[in-house]
């Protein structure tokens, strides 16, 4: 893991397209601004993990249940 120290209004550049800037620091909370291409998905880590979990669950649905669901849509 790369660890960097930044002050307010300082930034970190990731590749050519992504910039992360420290906007404010209040107590134990840091507010970040992220500039990235619209095609880049950006999530809080806990949301990303929830999405991955939901995708894993959907991928493990038994095929007979999927067939039943597809028939009910018709």
N, C-alpha and C. Protein backbone atom coordinates (compact mmCIF):
# COMPACT_ATOMS: atom_id res chain seq x y z
N UNK A 1 0.85 -1.18 0.00
CA UNK A 1 0.00 0.00 0.00
C UNK A 1 0.89 1.24 0.00
N UNK A 2 0.59 2.13 -0.89
CA UNK A 2 1.27 3.42 -0.94
C UNK A 2 0.57 4.36 0.03
N UNK A 3 1.31 5.01 0.90
CA UNK A 3 0.74 5.96 1.87
C UNK A 3 1.32 7.33 1.57
N UNK A 4 0.43 8.31 1.36
CA UNK A 4 0.84 9.68 1.06
C UNK A 4 0.18 10.63 2.03
N UNK A 5 0.90 11.67 2.42
CA UNK A 5 0.32 12.73 3.25
C UNK A 5 -0.03 13.90 2.33
N UNK A 6 -1.22 14.45 2.50
CA UNK A 6 -1.68 15.59 1.70
C UNK A 6 -2.32 16.61 2.63
N UNK A 7 -2.23 17.85 2.26
CA UNK A 7 -2.90 18.93 2.99
C UNK A 7 -4.10 19.39 2.19
N UNK A 8 -4.92 20.25 2.79
CA UNK A 8 -6.09 20.79 2.09
C UNK A 8 -5.65 21.44 0.79
N UNK A 9 -6.40 21.17 -0.27
CA UNK A 9 -6.17 21.65 -1.63
C UNK A 9 -5.00 20.97 -2.34
N UNK A 10 -4.38 19.99 -1.73
CA UNK A 10 -3.37 19.20 -2.41
C UNK A 10 -4.05 17.97 -3.00
N UNK A 11 -3.43 17.41 -4.03
CA UNK A 11 -4.09 16.32 -4.77
C UNK A 11 -3.15 15.15 -4.99
N UNK A 12 -3.75 14.07 -5.41
CA UNK A 12 -3.04 12.87 -5.85
C UNK A 12 -3.52 12.57 -7.26
N UNK A 13 -2.60 12.32 -8.16
CA UNK A 13 -2.94 12.01 -9.55
C UNK A 13 -2.77 10.51 -9.77
N UNK A 14 -3.81 9.87 -10.34
CA UNK A 14 -3.75 8.45 -10.67
C UNK A 14 -3.85 8.34 -12.19
N UNK A 15 -2.77 7.94 -12.82
CA UNK A 15 -2.75 7.91 -14.28
C UNK A 15 -2.96 9.30 -14.84
N UNK A 16 -3.45 9.36 -16.07
CA UNK A 16 -3.69 10.65 -16.70
C UNK A 16 -5.08 11.20 -16.41
N UNK A 17 -6.00 10.33 -15.98
CA UNK A 17 -7.41 10.70 -15.95
C UNK A 17 -8.03 10.94 -14.58
N UNK A 18 -7.36 10.54 -13.51
CA UNK A 18 -8.01 10.59 -12.20
C UNK A 18 -7.20 11.45 -11.23
N UNK A 19 -7.90 12.42 -10.62
CA UNK A 19 -7.28 13.27 -9.61
C UNK A 19 -8.14 13.22 -8.35
N UNK A 20 -7.48 13.03 -7.21
CA UNK A 20 -8.17 13.02 -5.93
C UNK A 20 -7.61 14.19 -5.12
N UNK A 21 -8.50 15.09 -4.71
CA UNK A 21 -8.08 16.31 -4.03
C UNK A 21 -8.68 16.36 -2.63
N UNK A 22 -7.89 16.76 -1.66
CA UNK A 22 -8.37 16.96 -0.29
C UNK A 22 -9.08 18.31 -0.23
N UNK A 23 -10.39 18.27 0.02
CA UNK A 23 -11.18 19.51 0.04
C UNK A 23 -11.25 20.11 1.44
N UNK A 24 -11.39 19.27 2.45
CA UNK A 24 -11.44 19.77 3.82
C UNK A 24 -11.14 18.64 4.79
N UNK A 25 -10.75 19.05 5.99
CA UNK A 25 -10.52 18.11 7.08
C UNK A 25 -11.23 18.68 8.29
N UNK A 26 -12.18 17.92 8.84
CA UNK A 26 -12.93 18.35 10.02
C UNK A 26 -12.93 17.22 11.03
N UNK A 27 -12.18 17.39 12.10
CA UNK A 27 -12.09 16.33 13.10
C UNK A 27 -11.46 15.10 12.49
N UNK A 28 -12.16 13.97 12.58
CA UNK A 28 -11.63 12.72 12.04
C UNK A 28 -12.17 12.42 10.64
N UNK A 29 -12.75 13.42 10.00
CA UNK A 29 -13.36 13.21 8.68
C UNK A 29 -12.63 14.04 7.63
N UNK A 30 -12.32 13.38 6.50
CA UNK A 30 -11.66 14.03 5.38
C UNK A 30 -12.64 14.07 4.22
N UNK A 31 -12.82 15.24 3.61
CA UNK A 31 -13.69 15.35 2.44
C UNK A 31 -12.80 15.39 1.20
N UNK A 32 -13.07 14.45 0.27
CA UNK A 32 -12.28 14.32 -0.94
C UNK A 32 -13.10 14.70 -2.16
N UNK A 33 -12.45 15.30 -3.14
CA UNK A 33 -13.06 15.53 -4.44
C UNK A 33 -12.36 14.64 -5.45
N UNK A 34 -13.13 13.99 -6.31
CA UNK A 34 -12.55 13.07 -7.29
C UNK A 34 -12.95 13.52 -8.68
N UNK A 35 -11.95 13.76 -9.52
CA UNK A 35 -12.20 14.06 -10.93
C UNK A 35 -11.76 12.85 -11.73
N UNK A 36 -12.71 12.29 -12.48
CA UNK A 36 -12.43 11.09 -13.27
C UNK A 36 -13.38 11.09 -14.47
N UNK A 37 -13.04 10.34 -15.51
CA UNK A 37 -13.96 10.23 -16.64
C UNK A 37 -15.31 9.66 -16.20
N UNK A 38 -16.37 10.10 -16.86
CA UNK A 38 -17.73 9.63 -16.51
C UNK A 38 -17.85 8.12 -16.58
N UNK A 39 -17.09 7.48 -17.45
CA UNK A 39 -17.18 6.02 -17.59
C UNK A 39 -16.58 5.28 -16.40
N UNK A 40 -15.87 5.98 -15.53
CA UNK A 40 -15.23 5.37 -14.37
C UNK A 40 -16.23 5.28 -13.22
N UNK A 41 -16.48 4.07 -12.75
CA UNK A 41 -17.36 3.88 -11.59
C UNK A 41 -16.58 4.19 -10.33
N UNK A 42 -17.18 4.99 -9.45
CA UNK A 42 -16.54 5.34 -8.18
C UNK A 42 -17.55 5.07 -7.07
N UNK A 43 -17.15 4.26 -6.10
CA UNK A 43 -18.03 3.88 -4.99
C UNK A 43 -17.27 4.00 -3.68
N UNK A 44 -18.01 4.25 -2.60
CA UNK A 44 -17.43 4.06 -1.27
C UNK A 44 -17.15 2.56 -1.13
N UNK A 45 -16.12 2.21 -0.40
CA UNK A 45 -15.70 0.81 -0.31
C UNK A 45 -16.83 -0.11 0.16
N UNK A 46 -17.60 0.30 1.17
CA UNK A 46 -18.66 -0.57 1.70
C UNK A 46 -19.75 -0.80 0.66
N UNK A 47 -20.02 0.19 -0.18
CA UNK A 47 -21.02 0.03 -1.24
C UNK A 47 -20.48 -0.91 -2.31
N UNK A 48 -19.21 -0.75 -2.67
CA UNK A 48 -18.59 -1.62 -3.67
C UNK A 48 -18.64 -3.08 -3.21
N UNK A 49 -18.34 -3.32 -1.93
CA UNK A 49 -18.38 -4.69 -1.41
C UNK A 49 -19.80 -5.25 -1.43
N UNK A 50 -20.80 -4.41 -1.12
CA UNK A 50 -22.20 -4.85 -1.21
C UNK A 50 -22.57 -5.24 -2.64
N UNK A 51 -22.14 -4.45 -3.60
CA UNK A 51 -22.42 -4.75 -5.01
C UNK A 51 -21.78 -6.08 -5.39
N UNK A 52 -20.53 -6.28 -4.99
CA UNK A 52 -19.85 -7.54 -5.29
C UNK A 52 -20.56 -8.73 -4.67
N UNK A 53 -21.02 -8.56 -3.44
CA UNK A 53 -21.75 -9.63 -2.75
C UNK A 53 -23.05 -9.96 -3.48
N UNK A 54 -23.79 -8.93 -3.88
CA UNK A 54 -25.04 -9.14 -4.61
C UNK A 54 -24.77 -9.83 -5.95
N UNK A 55 -23.71 -9.43 -6.63
CA UNK A 55 -23.36 -10.08 -7.90
C UNK A 55 -23.00 -11.54 -7.70
N UNK A 56 -22.27 -11.83 -6.63
CA UNK A 56 -21.91 -13.22 -6.33
C UNK A 56 -23.15 -14.05 -6.04
N UNK A 57 -24.08 -13.47 -5.29
CA UNK A 57 -25.32 -14.19 -4.99
C UNK A 57 -26.13 -14.45 -6.25
N UNK A 58 -26.20 -13.45 -7.12
CA UNK A 58 -26.96 -13.60 -8.36
C UNK A 58 -26.32 -14.67 -9.25
N UNK A 59 -25.01 -14.75 -9.24
CA UNK A 59 -24.30 -15.73 -10.07
C UNK A 59 -24.51 -17.16 -9.54
N UNK A 60 -24.89 -17.29 -8.28
CA UNK A 60 -25.06 -18.61 -7.68
C UNK A 60 -26.51 -19.06 -7.61
N UNK A 61 -27.40 -18.38 -8.30
CA UNK A 61 -28.81 -18.78 -8.34
C UNK A 61 -28.91 -20.07 -9.14
N UNK A 62 -29.58 -21.09 -8.62
CA UNK A 62 -29.72 -22.35 -9.35
C UNK A 62 -30.37 -22.14 -10.72
N UNK A 63 -29.92 -22.89 -11.72
CA UNK A 63 -30.41 -22.71 -13.09
C UNK A 63 -31.90 -22.98 -13.21
N UNK A 64 -32.46 -23.93 -12.42
CA UNK A 64 -33.89 -24.19 -12.53
C UNK A 64 -34.71 -23.00 -12.02
N UNK A 65 -34.19 -22.27 -11.04
CA UNK A 65 -34.87 -21.07 -10.56
C UNK A 65 -34.81 -19.98 -11.63
N UNK A 66 -33.68 -19.84 -12.30
CA UNK A 66 -33.54 -18.86 -13.38
C UNK A 66 -34.55 -19.16 -14.50
N UNK A 67 -34.69 -20.44 -14.85
CA UNK A 67 -35.64 -20.83 -15.91
C UNK A 67 -37.06 -20.48 -15.49
N UNK A 68 -37.39 -20.73 -14.24
CA UNK A 68 -38.72 -20.40 -13.72
C UNK A 68 -38.96 -18.89 -13.78
N UNK A 69 -37.97 -18.10 -13.39
CA UNK A 69 -38.08 -16.64 -13.44
C UNK A 69 -38.24 -16.15 -14.87
N UNK A 70 -37.50 -16.73 -15.79
CA UNK A 70 -37.59 -16.32 -17.20
C UNK A 70 -38.97 -16.66 -17.77
N UNK A 71 -39.54 -17.80 -17.42
CA UNK A 71 -40.86 -18.19 -17.90
C UNK A 71 -41.94 -17.25 -17.38
N UNK A 72 -41.78 -16.79 -16.13
CA UNK A 72 -42.80 -15.93 -15.54
C UNK A 72 -42.80 -14.53 -16.17
N UNK A 73 -41.70 -14.13 -16.79
CA UNK A 73 -41.61 -12.82 -17.45
C UNK A 73 -42.34 -12.81 -18.79
N UNK A 74 -42.55 -13.98 -19.37
CA UNK A 74 -43.16 -14.05 -20.71
C UNK A 74 -44.66 -13.93 -20.64
